[in-house]
Protein backbone atom coordinates (compact mmCIF):
# COMPACT_ATOMS: atom_id res chain seq x y z
CA MET A 1 -52.93 -55.92 7.78
CA GLU A 2 -56.12 -56.93 5.99
CA ASN A 3 -58.04 -57.20 9.26
CA ALA A 4 -56.94 -53.69 10.26
CA LYS A 5 -58.02 -52.36 6.88
CA THR A 6 -61.41 -54.03 7.14
CA LEU A 7 -61.85 -52.66 10.68
CA SER A 8 -61.05 -49.15 9.54
CA GLU A 9 -63.49 -49.45 6.63
CA THR A 10 -66.24 -50.70 8.95
CA ILE A 11 -65.73 -47.75 11.30
CA THR A 12 -65.63 -45.35 8.34
CA ALA A 13 -68.95 -46.66 7.06
CA GLN A 14 -70.57 -46.45 10.50
CA LEU A 15 -69.45 -42.87 11.15
CA ALA A 16 -70.40 -41.79 7.61
CA ASP A 17 -73.86 -43.25 8.11
CA GLU A 18 -74.29 -41.36 11.38
CA ILE A 19 -73.09 -38.09 9.82
CA ILE A 20 -75.38 -38.42 6.81
CA ARG A 21 -78.35 -39.27 9.05
CA ARG A 22 -77.47 -36.23 11.23
CA GLN A 23 -77.00 -38.46 14.27
CA LEU A 24 -73.66 -36.67 14.52
CA ALA A 25 -74.42 -32.99 14.03
CA PRO A 26 -72.15 -30.57 12.11
CA GLY A 27 -69.47 -29.19 14.39
CA THR A 28 -69.39 -32.25 16.66
CA ARG A 29 -65.82 -32.93 17.76
CA LEU A 30 -64.57 -36.41 16.91
CA ASP A 31 -62.11 -37.38 19.61
CA GLU A 32 -59.89 -40.31 18.65
CA GLN A 33 -59.68 -41.83 22.13
CA SER A 34 -63.42 -41.53 22.76
CA LEU A 35 -64.16 -43.22 19.45
CA ALA A 36 -61.55 -45.89 20.14
CA ASP A 37 -63.27 -46.63 23.47
CA ARG A 38 -66.67 -46.70 21.79
CA PHE A 39 -65.63 -49.16 19.06
CA GLY A 40 -63.33 -51.15 21.34
CA VAL A 41 -60.25 -50.67 19.14
CA SER A 42 -56.91 -48.89 19.21
CA ARG A 43 -56.61 -45.32 17.95
CA SER A 44 -54.92 -46.42 14.69
CA PRO A 45 -58.05 -47.62 12.79
CA ILE A 46 -59.96 -44.63 14.19
CA ARG A 47 -57.33 -42.27 12.80
CA ASP A 48 -57.45 -44.01 9.42
CA ALA A 49 -61.24 -43.77 9.34
CA LEU A 50 -61.24 -40.07 10.20
CA ARG A 51 -58.66 -39.35 7.51
CA THR A 52 -60.79 -41.18 4.97
CA LEU A 53 -63.85 -39.20 6.02
CA ALA A 54 -61.86 -35.96 5.78
CA ALA A 55 -61.05 -36.85 2.16
CA THR A 56 -64.78 -37.24 1.45
CA ARG A 57 -65.44 -33.81 3.07
CA LEU A 58 -67.75 -35.32 5.68
CA VAL A 59 -65.19 -34.44 8.35
CA ASP A 60 -63.08 -31.33 8.85
CA HIS A 61 -59.50 -31.60 10.04
CA VAL A 62 -57.57 -28.72 11.58
CA PRO A 63 -53.92 -29.44 12.54
CA ARG A 64 -53.42 -29.58 16.32
CA ARG A 65 -57.17 -29.15 16.83
CA GLY A 66 -58.31 -32.51 15.50
CA PHE A 67 -61.38 -33.70 13.63
CA SER A 68 -64.99 -32.53 13.67
CA VAL A 69 -68.14 -33.24 11.68
CA ALA A 70 -68.41 -31.03 8.61
CA ALA A 71 -71.56 -29.41 7.29
CA VAL A 72 -72.35 -31.25 4.04
CA ASP A 73 -72.64 -28.75 1.22
CA SER A 74 -75.34 -29.91 -1.22
CA VAL A 75 -73.97 -27.64 -3.97
CA GLU A 76 -70.50 -29.12 -3.61
CA LEU A 77 -71.92 -32.65 -3.51
CA ASP A 78 -73.91 -32.01 -6.68
CA ALA A 79 -70.76 -30.71 -8.38
CA LEU A 80 -68.87 -33.81 -7.27
CA PHE A 81 -71.51 -36.12 -8.76
CA GLU A 82 -71.53 -34.05 -11.95
CA ALA A 83 -67.75 -34.37 -12.36
CA ALA A 84 -67.85 -38.09 -11.62
CA GLY A 85 -70.72 -38.55 -14.08
CA GLU A 86 -68.72 -36.98 -16.90
CA ILE A 87 -65.66 -39.11 -16.14
CA GLU A 88 -67.64 -42.32 -15.79
CA ALA A 89 -69.58 -41.63 -18.98
CA LEU A 90 -66.26 -41.35 -20.81
CA CYS A 91 -65.12 -44.61 -19.21
CA ALA A 92 -68.32 -46.31 -20.38
CA ARG A 93 -67.86 -45.05 -23.93
CA LEU A 94 -64.27 -46.28 -24.09
CA CYS A 95 -65.19 -49.57 -22.41
CA ALA A 96 -67.79 -50.22 -25.12
CA HIS A 97 -65.01 -49.85 -27.71
CA ARG A 98 -62.02 -51.38 -25.93
CA ALA A 99 -63.12 -54.00 -23.40
CA GLY A 100 -62.01 -57.52 -24.21
CA PRO A 101 -64.09 -60.73 -24.08
CA VAL A 102 -63.14 -61.47 -20.45
CA GLU A 103 -64.13 -57.99 -19.26
CA ARG A 104 -67.40 -58.09 -21.19
CA LYS A 105 -68.28 -61.46 -19.70
CA ARG A 106 -67.40 -60.17 -16.24
CA ILE A 107 -69.72 -57.19 -16.72
CA GLU A 108 -72.52 -59.47 -17.87
CA LEU A 109 -72.08 -61.84 -14.90
CA LEU A 110 -71.96 -58.97 -12.41
CA TYR A 111 -75.22 -57.62 -13.80
CA GLN A 112 -76.83 -61.03 -13.46
CA SER A 113 -75.66 -61.28 -9.84
CA MET A 114 -77.08 -57.83 -9.16
CA ASP A 115 -80.40 -59.03 -10.54
CA LYS A 116 -80.44 -61.78 -7.90
CA ALA A 117 -79.62 -59.22 -5.19
CA VAL A 118 -82.53 -57.05 -6.31
CA LYS A 119 -84.94 -59.98 -6.26
CA GLY A 120 -83.66 -60.93 -2.82
CA ALA A 121 -83.88 -57.32 -1.58
CA ASP A 122 -80.25 -57.59 -0.44
CA ALA A 123 -79.04 -53.98 -0.49
CA LYS A 124 -75.67 -54.84 1.06
CA VAL A 125 -74.76 -57.33 -1.66
CA PHE A 126 -76.15 -55.02 -4.34
CA ALA A 127 -73.98 -52.12 -3.11
CA ALA A 128 -70.84 -54.30 -3.21
CA LEU A 129 -71.63 -55.60 -6.70
CA ASN A 130 -72.37 -52.05 -7.83
CA GLU A 131 -68.83 -51.01 -6.91
CA GLU A 132 -67.35 -54.03 -8.68
CA LEU A 133 -69.35 -53.30 -11.83
CA HIS A 134 -68.11 -49.72 -11.99
CA ARG A 135 -64.51 -50.79 -11.31
CA THR A 136 -64.72 -53.29 -14.16
CA ILE A 137 -66.04 -50.63 -16.52
CA HIS A 138 -63.24 -48.26 -15.50
CA ALA A 139 -60.67 -50.97 -16.19
CA GLY A 140 -62.35 -51.81 -19.50
CA ALA A 141 -61.71 -48.27 -20.71
CA ARG A 142 -58.03 -49.29 -20.99
CA ASN A 143 -56.79 -45.89 -19.88
CA ARG A 144 -54.87 -46.00 -16.59
CA THR A 145 -55.05 -42.25 -15.95
CA LEU A 146 -58.78 -42.13 -16.54
CA GLU A 147 -59.27 -45.21 -14.37
CA GLU A 148 -57.37 -43.63 -11.48
CA VAL A 149 -59.36 -40.39 -11.72
CA ALA A 150 -62.66 -42.28 -11.81
CA GLN A 151 -61.69 -44.42 -8.82
CA GLY A 152 -60.51 -41.37 -6.87
CA LEU A 153 -63.85 -39.64 -7.38
CA ARG A 154 -65.77 -42.75 -6.37
CA ARG A 155 -63.73 -43.03 -3.17
CA ARG A 156 -64.69 -39.46 -2.29
CA MET A 157 -68.35 -40.26 -2.94
CA ALA A 158 -68.33 -43.66 -1.21
CA PRO A 159 -70.41 -42.55 1.82
CA PHE A 160 -73.16 -41.43 -0.56
CA ARG A 161 -73.38 -44.86 -2.18
CA SER A 162 -73.67 -46.85 1.04
CA THR A 163 -76.41 -49.39 1.65
CA ILE A 164 -78.83 -46.83 3.09
CA PHE A 165 -79.02 -45.03 -0.26
CA PHE A 166 -80.40 -48.18 -1.92
CA THR A 167 -83.15 -48.76 0.65
CA ALA A 168 -85.39 -45.74 0.00
CA ASP A 169 -87.88 -45.10 -2.83
CA ASN A 170 -87.08 -48.42 -4.52
CA ARG A 171 -83.68 -47.02 -5.54
CA MET A 172 -82.07 -50.46 -5.78
CA ARG A 173 -84.50 -51.55 -8.50
CA THR A 174 -84.30 -48.32 -10.47
CA SER A 175 -80.50 -48.34 -10.22
CA HIS A 176 -80.51 -51.89 -11.58
CA GLU A 177 -82.68 -50.80 -14.50
CA GLU A 178 -80.23 -48.00 -15.26
CA HIS A 179 -77.39 -50.51 -15.16
CA GLY A 180 -79.34 -52.61 -17.64
CA ALA A 181 -79.20 -49.87 -20.28
CA LEU A 182 -75.53 -49.31 -19.48
CA VAL A 183 -74.55 -52.98 -19.75
CA GLN A 184 -76.59 -53.41 -22.92
CA GLY A 185 -74.74 -50.52 -24.55
CA ILE A 186 -71.33 -51.88 -23.57
CA LEU A 187 -72.06 -55.44 -24.70
CA ALA A 188 -73.45 -54.14 -28.00
CA ARG A 189 -70.29 -52.02 -28.46
CA ASP A 190 -72.57 -48.97 -28.71
CA ALA A 191 -70.39 -46.26 -27.18
CA ASP A 192 -73.00 -43.51 -27.47
CA ALA A 193 -75.68 -45.59 -25.74
CA ALA A 194 -73.27 -46.65 -22.99
CA GLY A 195 -72.16 -43.07 -22.40
CA ARG A 196 -75.73 -41.77 -22.23
CA ALA A 197 -76.79 -44.53 -19.86
CA MET A 198 -73.89 -43.87 -17.49
CA HIS A 199 -74.55 -40.14 -17.59
CA GLU A 200 -78.22 -40.63 -16.70
CA HIS A 201 -77.31 -43.14 -14.00
CA ALA A 202 -74.94 -40.64 -12.36
CA ALA A 203 -77.60 -37.90 -12.49
CA HIS A 204 -80.18 -40.14 -10.81
CA SER A 205 -77.65 -41.24 -8.18
CA SER A 206 -76.93 -37.60 -7.36
CA MET A 207 -80.63 -36.82 -7.07
CA ASN A 208 -81.17 -39.84 -4.81
CA ALA A 209 -78.29 -38.87 -2.50
CA LEU A 210 -79.43 -35.25 -2.16
CA GLN A 211 -83.05 -36.24 -1.57
CA ARG A 212 -82.09 -38.87 1.00
CA MET A 213 -79.87 -36.44 2.88
CA GLY A 214 -82.62 -33.82 2.88
CA GLN A 215 -85.10 -36.37 4.19
CA ASP A 216 -82.75 -37.48 6.97
CA SER A 217 -82.06 -33.86 7.88
CA GLU A 218 -85.79 -33.13 8.20
CA GLU A 219 -86.35 -36.24 10.31
CA ALA A 220 -83.48 -35.30 12.62
CA ALA A 221 -84.86 -31.77 12.99
CA GLU A 222 -88.27 -33.14 13.99
CA VAL A 223 -86.88 -35.13 16.94
CA PRO A 224 -86.45 -32.17 19.33
CA ARG A 225 -89.88 -30.81 18.40
CA THR A 226 -91.48 -34.19 19.09
CA ARG A 227 -89.76 -34.51 22.46
CA ALA A 228 -90.69 -30.94 23.40
CA ALA A 229 -94.33 -31.69 22.67
């Protein structure tokens, strides 16, 4: 079961990367059997991956017609980041008040591990630790409903926090600096500082995602012109 889940997640990440980079253009039909042949797997993990991508709005699904690549709406994406930023800022504020000693120590250790990933330029490890840090902050808010909402929004935005978004414009280092202000606020039990830091972090993450997507779109558009020349 775990292997199947990991396989589906790997395929999801690969397809999301190709969609974001415009290697799979909007409107491209995503045939389950063709993808299964390409990845050398059964149709089950392909179907799971496409359903996950449909939930993130990177893929459109029409009953009896199947899946196709969606056109990413930058306005909708910005609204999604805005909503997530507000929810996560509230989580950070509550975490600063309510997190226990174990959760605070976990947050501190995760931040220290992220520092090592930054120094080692390991974007893959940094991205994984980033998710764990945010999950720990959500749990530290001690509000199950709020935690579920925050996690649901992060799942929808997962493709826009993949490794590629930490590799451009020194985003990994600046993200780590933003986390520093966030962690400092939580450990100091300063709810206002923690909330502000999370809010600013979400805004910068949104800006990074939109800029990266715009850059990839321009690069993809230049390919035909280069070949024609």
